[in-house]
Amino acid sequence: MNENDKEYQSSLKSLETENIVDRKFYRPIGFYFAKLLSHTKVTPNMVTILSIFVGLGGGGVFYAYAIQSWVGRCRYYLFGVGQYHGLH
């Protein structure tokens, strides 16, 4: 077992604390990024702020699509204008 494997194993919580998705998916990805960013000037707070903006941006994209879809439905059903291609 190399040094990274030992460090990764020591970072894991007990099986009662984490579920299988955390342990098999999120934890390895998080550990990789933590090791990657540990030699830079990026702080954990910077990563948190970046993730907030990424989440807000993603939410904005979903919101814009929902509004566009809703407006398209209303125009189509109320006025017969445009084409409505609903979600299938």
PDB file of N, CA and C in Angstrom:
ATOM      1  N   MET A   1       0.848  -1.169   0.000  1.00  0.00           N
ATOM      2  CA  MET A   1       0.000   0.000   0.000  1.00  0.00           C
ATOM      3  C   MET A   1       0.898   1.238   0.000  1.00  0.00           C
ATOM      4  N   ASN A   2       0.704   2.133  -1.002  1.00  0.00           N
ATOM      5  CA  ASN A   2       1.570   3.306  -1.075  1.00  0.00           C
ATOM      6  C   ASN A   2       1.073   4.407  -0.127  1.00  0.00           C
ATOM      7  N   GLU A   3       1.801   5.503  -0.116  1.00  0.00           N
ATOM      8  CA  GLU A   3       1.516   6.593   0.830  1.00  0.00           C
ATOM      9  C   GLU A   3       0.146   7.230   0.581  1.00  0.00           C
ATOM     10  N   ASN A   4      -0.234   7.405  -0.689  1.00  0.00           N
ATOM     11  CA  ASN A   4      -1.544   7.978  -0.997  1.00  0.00           C
ATOM     12  C   ASN A   4      -2.677   7.079  -0.521  1.00  0.00           C
ATOM     13  N   ASP A   5      -2.516   5.780  -0.694  1.00  0.00           N
ATOM     14  CA  ASP A   5      -3.550   4.846  -0.238  1.00  0.00           C
ATOM     15  C   ASP A   5      -3.711   4.902   1.280  1.00  0.00           C
ATOM     16  N   LYS A   6      -2.599   4.965   1.985  1.00  0.00           N
ATOM     17  CA  LYS A   6      -2.661   5.060   3.444  1.00  0.00           C
ATOM     18  C   LYS A   6      -3.331   6.357   3.879  1.00  0.00           C
ATOM     19  N   GLU A   7      -2.978   7.448   3.214  1.00  0.00           N
ATOM     20  CA  GLU A   7      -3.569   8.742   3.554  1.00  0.00           C
ATOM     21  C   GLU A   7      -5.071   8.747   3.245  1.00  0.00           C
ATOM     22  N   TYR A   8      -5.446   8.141   2.113  1.00  0.00           N
ATOM     23  CA  TYR A   8      -6.868   8.061   1.756  1.00  0.00           C
ATOM     24  C   TYR A   8      -7.637   7.218   2.780  1.00  0.00           C
ATOM     25  N   GLN A   9      -7.104   6.083   3.148  1.00  0.00           N
ATOM     26  CA  GLN A   9      -7.771   5.207   4.116  1.00  0.00           C
ATOM     27  C   GLN A   9      -7.933   5.908   5.474  1.00  0.00           C
ATOM     28  N   SER A  10      -6.935   6.694   5.850  1.00  0.00           N
ATOM     29  CA  SER A  10      -7.040   7.381   7.142  1.00  0.00           C
ATOM     30  C   SER A  10      -8.052   8.531   7.100  1.00  0.00           C
ATOM     31  N   SER A  11      -8.393   9.009   5.895  1.00  0.00           N
ATOM     32  CA  SER A  11      -9.362  10.102   5.791  1.00  0.00           C
ATOM     33  C   SER A  11     -10.812   9.615   5.829  1.00  0.00           C
ATOM     34  N   LEU A  12     -11.007   8.305   5.702  1.00  0.00           N
ATOM     35  CA  LEU A  12     -12.366   7.764   5.684  1.00  0.00           C
ATOM     36  C   LEU A  12     -12.981   7.760   7.078  1.00  0.00           C
ATOM     37  N   LYS A  13     -14.291   7.961   7.092  1.00  0.00           N
ATOM     38  CA  LYS A  13     -15.034   7.883   8.342  1.00  0.00           C
ATOM     39  C   LYS A  13     -15.539   6.459   8.515  1.00  0.00           C
ATOM     40  N   SER A  14     -16.207   6.195   9.611  1.00  0.00           N
ATOM     41  CA  SER A  14     -16.717   4.844   9.853  1.00  0.00           C
ATOM     42  C   SER A  14     -17.835   4.520   8.871  1.00  0.00           C
ATOM     43  N   LEU A  15     -18.089   3.241   8.680  1.00  0.00           N
ATOM     44  CA  LEU A  15     -19.135   2.799   7.756  1.00  0.00           C
ATOM     45  C   LEU A  15     -20.511   3.275   8.199  1.00  0.00           C
ATOM     46  N   GLU A  16     -20.708   3.466   9.497  1.00  0.00           N
ATOM     47  CA  GLU A  16     -21.994   3.939   9.999  1.00  0.00           C
ATOM     48  C   GLU A  16     -22.229   5.405   9.656  1.00  0.00           C
ATOM     49  N   THR A  17     -21.146   6.154   9.446  1.00  0.00           N
ATOM     50  CA  THR A  17     -21.245   7.585   9.188  1.00  0.00           C
ATOM     51  C   THR A  17     -21.475   7.886   7.714  1.00  0.00           C
ATOM     52  N   GLU A  18     -20.834   7.146   6.829  1.00  0.00           N
ATOM     53  CA  GLU A  18     -20.929   7.410   5.398  1.00  0.00           C
ATOM     54  C   GLU A  18     -21.698   6.288   4.709  1.00  0.00           C
ATOM     55  N   ASN A  19     -22.460   6.679   3.694  1.00  0.00           N
ATOM     56  CA  ASN A  19     -23.140   5.649   2.923  1.00  0.00           C
ATOM     57  C   ASN A  19     -22.252   5.193   1.765  1.00  0.00           C
ATOM     58  N   ILE A  20     -22.723   4.246   1.005  1.00  0.00           N
ATOM     59  CA  ILE A  20     -21.909   3.618  -0.035  1.00  0.00           C
ATOM     60  C   ILE A  20     -21.580   4.598  -1.161  1.00  0.00           C
ATOM     61  N   VAL A  21     -22.508   5.505  -1.498  1.00  0.00           N
ATOM     62  CA  VAL A  21     -22.250   6.475  -2.565  1.00  0.00           C
ATOM     63  C   VAL A  21     -21.137   7.434  -2.151  1.00  0.00           C
ATOM     64  N   ASP A  22     -21.177   7.882  -0.917  1.00  0.00           N
ATOM     65  CA  ASP A  22     -20.105   8.755  -0.424  1.00  0.00           C
ATOM     66  C   ASP A  22     -18.760   8.053  -0.499  1.00  0.00           C
ATOM     67  N   ARG A  23     -18.737   6.848  -0.019  1.00  0.00           N
ATOM     68  CA  ARG A  23     -17.469   6.115   0.088  1.00  0.00           C
ATOM     69  C   ARG A  23     -16.900   5.716  -1.276  1.00  0.00           C
ATOM     70  N   LYS A  24     -17.759   5.354  -2.201  1.00  0.00           N
ATOM     71  CA  LYS A  24     -17.284   4.854  -3.503  1.00  0.00           C
ATOM     72  C   LYS A  24     -17.178   5.943  -4.565  1.00  0.00           C
ATOM     73  N   PHE A  25     -17.935   7.048  -4.426  1.00  0.00           N
ATOM     74  CA  PHE A  25     -17.958   8.048  -5.480  1.00  0.00           C
ATOM     75  C   PHE A  25     -17.415   9.403  -5.019  1.00  0.00           C
ATOM     76  N   TYR A  26     -18.080  10.026  -4.049  1.00  0.00           N
ATOM     77  CA  TYR A  26     -17.704  11.382  -3.648  1.00  0.00           C
ATOM     78  C   TYR A  26     -16.353  11.450  -2.947  1.00  0.00           C
ATOM     79  N   ARG A  27     -16.089  10.529  -2.066  1.00  0.00           N
ATOM     80  CA  ARG A  27     -14.862  10.564  -1.273  1.00  0.00           C
ATOM     81  C   ARG A  27     -13.608  10.456  -2.152  1.00  0.00           C
ATOM     82  N   PRO A  28     -13.530   9.514  -3.110  1.00  0.00           N
ATOM     83  CA  PRO A  28     -12.331   9.458  -3.963  1.00  0.00           C
ATOM     84  C   PRO A  28     -12.138  10.708  -4.812  1.00  0.00           C
ATOM     85  N   ILE A  29     -13.234  11.264  -5.324  1.00  0.00           N
ATOM     86  CA  ILE A  29     -13.124  12.478  -6.128  1.00  0.00           C
ATOM     87  C   ILE A  29     -12.665  13.644  -5.253  1.00  0.00           C
ATOM     88  N   GLY A  30     -13.252  13.783  -4.085  1.00  0.00           N
ATOM     89  CA  GLY A  30     -12.867  14.848  -3.169  1.00  0.00           C
ATOM     90  C   GLY A  30     -11.422  14.729  -2.727  1.00  0.00           C
ATOM     91  N   PHE A  31     -10.987  13.507  -2.459  1.00  0.00           N
ATOM     92  CA  PHE A  31      -9.602  13.284  -2.041  1.00  0.00           C
ATOM     93  C   PHE A  31      -8.643  13.664  -3.165  1.00  0.00           C
ATOM     94  N   TYR A  32      -8.998  13.307  -4.396  1.00  0.00           N
ATOM     95  CA  TYR A  32      -8.157  13.637  -5.557  1.00  0.00           C
ATOM     96  C   TYR A  32      -8.010  15.153  -5.681  1.00  0.00           C
ATOM     97  N   PHE A  33      -9.137  15.879  -5.613  1.00  0.00           N
ATOM     98  CA  PHE A  33      -9.074  17.331  -5.742  1.00  0.00           C
ATOM     99  C   PHE A  33      -8.362  17.978  -4.554  1.00  0.00           C
ATOM    100  N   ALA A  34      -8.532  17.433  -3.374  1.00  0.00           N
ATOM    101  CA  ALA A  34      -7.827  17.965  -2.204  1.00  0.00           C
ATOM    102  C   ALA A  34      -6.313  17.816  -2.377  1.00  0.00           C
ATOM    103  N   LYS A  35      -5.881  16.672  -2.856  1.00  0.00           N
ATOM    104  CA  LYS A  35      -4.442  16.460  -3.094  1.00  0.00           C
ATOM    105  C   LYS A  35      -3.947  17.369  -4.216  1.00  0.00           C
ATOM    106  N   LEU A  36      -4.763  17.533  -5.248  1.00  0.00           N
ATOM    107  CA  LEU A  36      -4.385  18.362  -6.382  1.00  0.00           C
ATOM    108  C   LEU A  36      -4.235  19.827  -5.966  1.00  0.00           C
ATOM    109  N   LEU A  37      -5.154  20.308  -5.133  1.00  0.00           N
ATOM    110  CA  LEU A  37      -5.140  21.712  -4.738  1.00  0.00           C
ATOM    111  C   LEU A  37      -4.298  21.998  -3.498  1.00  0.00           C
ATOM    112  N   SER A  38      -3.788  20.968  -2.843  1.00  0.00           N
ATOM    113  CA  SER A  38      -3.032  21.188  -1.606  1.00  0.00           C
ATOM    114  C   SER A  38      -1.711  21.923  -1.845  1.00  0.00           C
ATOM    115  N   HIS A  39      -1.206  21.878  -3.066  1.00  0.00           N
ATOM    116  CA  HIS A  39       0.070  22.527  -3.357  1.00  0.00           C
ATOM    117  C   HIS A  39      -0.140  23.891  -4.018  1.00  0.00           C
ATOM    118  N   THR A  40      -1.352  24.410  -3.981  1.00  0.00           N
ATOM    119  CA  THR A  40      -1.654  25.719  -4.560  1.00  0.00           C
ATOM    120  C   THR A  40      -2.070  26.677  -3.448  1.00  0.00           C
ATOM    121  N   LYS A  41      -2.387  27.901  -3.843  1.00  0.00           N
ATOM    122  CA  LYS A  41      -2.843  28.886  -2.868  1.00  0.00           C
ATOM    123  C   LYS A  41      -4.363  28.877  -2.723  1.00  0.00           C
ATOM    124  N   VAL A  42      -5.024  27.890  -3.320  1.00  0.00           N
ATOM    125  CA  VAL A  42      -6.475  27.787  -3.225  1.00  0.00           C
ATOM    126  C   VAL A  42      -6.831  27.265  -1.832  1.00  0.00           C
ATOM    127  N   THR A  43      -7.716  28.003  -1.151  1.00  0.00           N
ATOM    128  CA  THR A  43      -8.127  27.612   0.196  1.00  0.00           C
ATOM    129  C   THR A  43      -9.467  26.884   0.140  1.00  0.00           C
ATOM    130  N   PRO A  44      -9.824  26.157   1.180  1.00  0.00           N
ATOM    131  CA  PRO A  44     -11.141  25.512   1.211  1.00  0.00           C
ATOM    132  C   PRO A  44     -12.296  26.507   1.070  1.00  0.00           C
ATOM    133  N   ASN A  45     -12.135  27.707   1.627  1.00  0.00           N
ATOM    134  CA  ASN A  45     -13.177  28.722   1.481  1.00  0.00           C
ATOM    135  C   ASN A  45     -13.345  29.147   0.027  1.00  0.00           C
ATOM    136  N   MET A  46     -12.262  29.221  -0.731  1.00  0.00           N
ATOM    137  CA  MET A  46     -12.344  29.560  -2.151  1.00  0.00           C
ATOM    138  C   MET A  46     -13.115  28.486  -2.924  1.00  0.00           C
ATOM    139  N   VAL A  47     -12.860  27.243  -2.586  1.00  0.00           N
ATOM    140  CA  VAL A  47     -13.567  26.145  -3.236  1.00  0.00           C
ATOM    141  C   VAL A  47     -15.058  26.217  -2.905  1.00  0.00           C
ATOM    142  N   THR A  48     -15.383  26.550  -1.675  1.00  0.00           N
ATOM    143  CA  THR A  48     -16.782  26.675  -1.270  1.00  0.00           C
ATOM    144  C   THR A  48     -17.473  27.795  -2.039  1.00  0.00           C
ATOM    145  N   ILE A  49     -16.814  28.953  -2.131  1.00  0.00           N
ATOM    146  CA  ILE A  49     -17.398  30.086  -2.853  1.00  0.00           C
ATOM    147  C   ILE A  49     -17.572  29.736  -4.324  1.00  0.00           C
ATOM    148  N   LEU A  50     -16.587  29.090  -4.924  1.00  0.00           N
ATOM    149  CA  LEU A  50     -16.702  28.668  -6.321  1.00  0.00           C
ATOM    150  C   LEU A  50     -17.875  27.712  -6.505  1.00  0.00           C
ATOM    151  N   SER A  51     -18.037  26.772  -5.584  1.00  0.00           N
ATOM    152  CA  SER A  51     -19.142  25.812  -5.710  1.00  0.00           C
ATOM    153  C   SER A  51     -20.498  26.496  -5.563  1.00  0.00           C
ATOM    154  N   ILE A  52     -20.568  27.551  -4.759  1.00  0.00           N
ATOM    155  CA  ILE A  52     -21.815  28.316  -4.639  1.00  0.00           C
ATOM    156  C   ILE A  52     -22.169  28.936  -5.988  1.00  0.00           C
ATOM    157  N   PHE A  53     -21.185  29.570  -6.636  1.00  0.00           N
ATOM    158  CA  PHE A  53     -21.451  30.197  -7.928  1.00  0.00           C
ATOM    159  C   PHE A  53     -21.778  29.170  -9.011  1.00  0.00           C
ATOM    160  N   VAL A  54     -21.120  28.027  -8.987  1.00  0.00           N
ATOM    161  CA  VAL A  54     -21.441  26.971  -9.955  1.00  0.00           C
ATOM    162  C   VAL A  54     -22.873  26.479  -9.731  1.00  0.00           C
ATOM    163  N   GLY A  55     -23.251  26.297  -8.472  1.00  0.00           N
ATOM    164  CA  GLY A  55     -24.613  25.867  -8.162  1.00  0.00           C
ATOM    165  C   GLY A  55     -25.654  26.894  -8.576  1.00  0.00           C
ATOM    166  N   LEU A  56     -25.373  28.174  -8.306  1.00  0.00           N
ATOM    167  CA  LEU A  56     -26.294  29.229  -8.720  1.00  0.00           C
ATOM    168  C   LEU A  56     -26.409  29.308 -10.238  1.00  0.00           C
ATOM    169  N   GLY A  57     -25.289  29.148 -10.918  1.00  0.00           N
ATOM    170  CA  GLY A  57     -25.314  29.162 -12.386  1.00  0.00           C
ATOM    171  C   GLY A  57     -26.120  28.001 -12.946  1.00  0.00           C
ATOM    172  N   GLY A  58     -25.919  26.818 -12.376  1.00  0.00           N
ATOM    173  CA  GLY A  58     -26.698  25.659 -12.808  1.00  0.00           C
ATOM    174  C   GLY A  58     -28.175  25.824 -12.532  1.00  0.00           C
ATOM    175  N   GLY A  59     -28.489  26.380 -11.361  1.00  0.00           N
ATOM    176  CA  GLY A  59     -29.885  26.651 -11.032  1.00  0.00           C
ATOM    177  C   GLY A  59     -30.490  27.664 -11.981  1.00  0.00           C
ATOM    178  N   GLY A  60     -29.713  28.670 -12.362  1.00  0.00           N
ATOM    179  CA  GLY A  60     -30.179  29.667 -13.316  1.00  0.00           C
ATOM    180  C   GLY A  60     -30.493  29.069 -14.670  1.00  0.00           C
ATOM    181  N   VAL A  61     -29.658  28.129 -15.105  1.00  0.00           N
ATOM    182  CA  VAL A  61     -29.916  27.465 -16.389  1.00  0.00           C
ATOM    183  C   VAL A  61     -31.205  26.658 -16.321  1.00  0.00           C
ATOM    184  N   PHE A  62     -31.404  25.911 -15.249  1.00  0.00           N
ATOM    185  CA  PHE A  62     -32.646  25.141 -15.111  1.00  0.00           C
ATOM    186  C   PHE A  62     -33.856  26.055 -15.005  1.00  0.00           C
ATOM    187  N   TYR A  63     -33.711  27.166 -14.288  1.00  0.00           N
ATOM    188  CA  TYR A  63     -34.810  28.110 -14.124  1.00  0.00           C
ATOM    189  C   TYR A  63     -35.175  28.735 -15.472  1.00  0.00           C
ATOM    190  N   ALA A  64     -34.160  29.154 -16.236  1.00  0.00           N
ATOM    191  CA  ALA A  64     -34.412  29.758 -17.545  1.00  0.00           C
ATOM    192  C   ALA A  64     -35.128  28.768 -18.462  1.00  0.00           C
ATOM    193  N   TYR A  65     -34.725  27.516 -18.432  1.00  0.00           N
ATOM    194  CA  TYR A  65     -35.386  26.511 -19.257  1.00  0.00           C
ATOM    195  C   TYR A  65     -36.828  26.313 -18.800  1.00  0.00           C
ATOM    196  N   ALA A  66     -37.051  26.284 -17.493  1.00  0.00           N
ATOM    197  CA  ALA A  66     -38.408  26.083 -16.981  1.00  0.00           C
ATOM    198  C   ALA A  66     -39.309  27.246 -17.366  1.00  0.00           C
ATOM    199  N   ILE A  67     -38.812  28.481 -17.269  1.00  0.00           N
ATOM    200  CA  ILE A  67     -39.598  29.655 -17.642  1.00  0.00           C
ATOM    201  C   ILE A  67     -39.881  29.628 -19.141  1.00  0.00           C
ATOM    202  N   GLN A  68     -38.863  29.329 -19.934  1.00  0.00           N
ATOM    203  CA  GLN A  68     -39.045  29.273 -21.384  1.00  0.00           C
ATOM    204  C   GLN A  68     -40.070  28.211 -21.742  1.00  0.00           C
ATOM    205  N   SER A  69     -39.993  27.078 -21.116  1.00  0.00           N
ATOM    206  CA  SER A  69     -40.935  26.000 -21.377  1.00  0.00           C
ATOM    207  C   SER A  69     -42.343  26.391 -20.945  1.00  0.00           C
ATOM    208  N   TRP A  70     -42.461  27.031 -19.796  1.00  0.00           N
ATOM    209  CA  TRP A  70     -43.765  27.448 -19.276  1.00  0.00           C
ATOM    210  C   TRP A  70     -44.387  28.501 -20.185  1.00  0.00           C
ATOM    211  N   VAL A  71     -43.590  29.497 -20.610  1.00  0.00           N
ATOM    212  CA  VAL A  71     -44.097  30.542 -21.497  1.00  0.00           C
ATOM    213  C   VAL A  71     -44.504  29.938 -22.839  1.00  0.00           C
ATOM    214  N   GLY A  72     -43.699  29.022 -23.338  1.00  0.00           N
ATOM    215  CA  GLY A  72     -44.032  28.362 -24.603  1.00  0.00           C
ATOM    216  C   GLY A  72     -45.341  27.585 -24.514  1.00  0.00           C
ATOM    217  N   ARG A  73     -45.550  26.901 -23.410  1.00  0.00           N
ATOM    218  CA  ARG A  73     -46.807  26.170 -23.220  1.00  0.00           C
ATOM    219  C   ARG A  73     -47.998  27.120 -23.195  1.00  0.00           C
ATOM    220  N   CYS A  74     -47.876  28.210 -22.462  1.00  0.00           N
ATOM    221  CA  CYS A  74     -48.979  29.171 -22.357  1.00  0.00           C
ATOM    222  C   CYS A  74     -49.306  29.769 -23.718  1.00  0.00           C
ATOM    223  N   ARG A  75     -48.281  30.175 -24.463  1.00  0.00           N
ATOM    224  CA  ARG A  75     -48.533  30.735 -25.797  1.00  0.00           C
ATOM    225  C   ARG A  75     -49.205  29.713 -26.696  1.00  0.00           C
ATOM    226  N   TYR A  76     -48.760  28.481 -26.632  1.00  0.00           N
ATOM    227  CA  TYR A  76     -49.298  27.445 -27.506  1.00  0.00           C
ATOM    228  C   TYR A  76     -50.747  27.119 -27.150  1.00  0.00           C
ATOM    229  N   TYR A  77     -51.008  26.902 -25.876  1.00  0.00           N
ATOM    230  CA  TYR A  77     -52.349  26.496 -25.461  1.00  0.00           C
ATOM    231  C   TYR A  77     -53.350  27.646 -25.474  1.00  0.00           C
ATOM    232  N   LEU A  78     -52.916  28.841 -25.109  1.00  0.00           N
ATOM    233  CA  LEU A  78     -53.849  29.968 -25.035  1.00  0.00           C
ATOM    234  C   LEU A  78     -54.068  30.662 -26.370  1.00  0.00           C
ATOM    235  N   PHE A  79     -53.001  30.785 -27.155  1.00  0.00           N
ATOM    236  CA  PHE A  79     -53.093  31.580 -28.374  1.00  0.00           C
ATOM    237  C   PHE A  79     -52.819  30.784 -29.641  1.00  0.00           C
ATOM    238  N   GLY A  80     -52.403  29.546 -29.522  1.00  0.00           N
ATOM    239  CA  GLY A  80     -52.082  28.755 -30.707  1.00  0.00           C
ATOM    240  C   GLY A  80     -50.871  29.268 -31.450  1.00  0.00           C
ATOM    241  N   VAL A  81     -50.009  29.980 -30.747  1.00  0.00           N
ATOM    242  CA  VAL A  81     -48.837  30.596 -31.379  1.00  0.00           C
ATOM    243  C   VAL A  81     -47.614  29.747 -31.071  1.00  0.00           C
ATOM    244  N   GLY A  82     -46.785  29.556 -32.073  1.00  0.00           N
ATOM    245  CA  GLY A  82     -45.543  28.841 -31.878  1.00  0.00           C
ATOM    246  C   GLY A  82     -45.744  27.337 -31.815  1.00  0.00           C
ATOM    247  N   GLN A  83     -44.681  26.664 -31.576  1.00  0.00           N
ATOM    248  CA  GLN A  83     -44.721  25.211 -31.458  1.00  0.00           C
ATOM    249  C   GLN A  83     -44.325  24.833 -30.048  1.00  0.00           C
ATOM    250  N   TYR A  84     -45.026  23.885 -29.511  1.00  0.00           N
ATOM    251  CA  TYR A  84     -44.702  23.403 -28.168  1.00  0.00           C
ATOM    252  C   TYR A  84     -44.228  21.969 -28.280  1.00  0.00           C
ATOM    253  N   HIS A  85     -43.025  21.739 -27.861  1.00  0.00           N
ATOM    254  CA  HIS A  85     -42.472  20.392 -27.814  1.00  0.00           C
ATOM    255  C   HIS A  85     -42.277  20.054 -26.350  1.00  0.00           C
ATOM    256  N   GLY A  86     -43.288  19.481 -25.749  1.00  0.00           N
ATOM    257  CA  GLY A  86     -43.255  19.202 -24.313  1.00  0.00           C
ATOM    258  C   GLY A  86     -42.194  18.197 -23.938  1.00  0.00           C
ATOM    259  N   LEU A  87     -41.986  18.097 -22.656  1.00  0.00           N
ATOM    260  CA  LEU A  87     -41.030  17.122 -22.136  1.00  0.00           C
ATOM    261  C   LEU A  87     -41.616  15.729 -22.295  1.00  0.00           C
ATOM    262  N   HIS A  88     -40.842  14.838 -22.813  1.00  0.00           N
ATOM    263  CA  HIS A  88     -41.320  13.470 -23.029  1.00  0.00           C
ATOM    264  C   HIS A  88     -40.622  12.536 -22.085  1.00  0.00           C
TER     265      HIS A  88
END
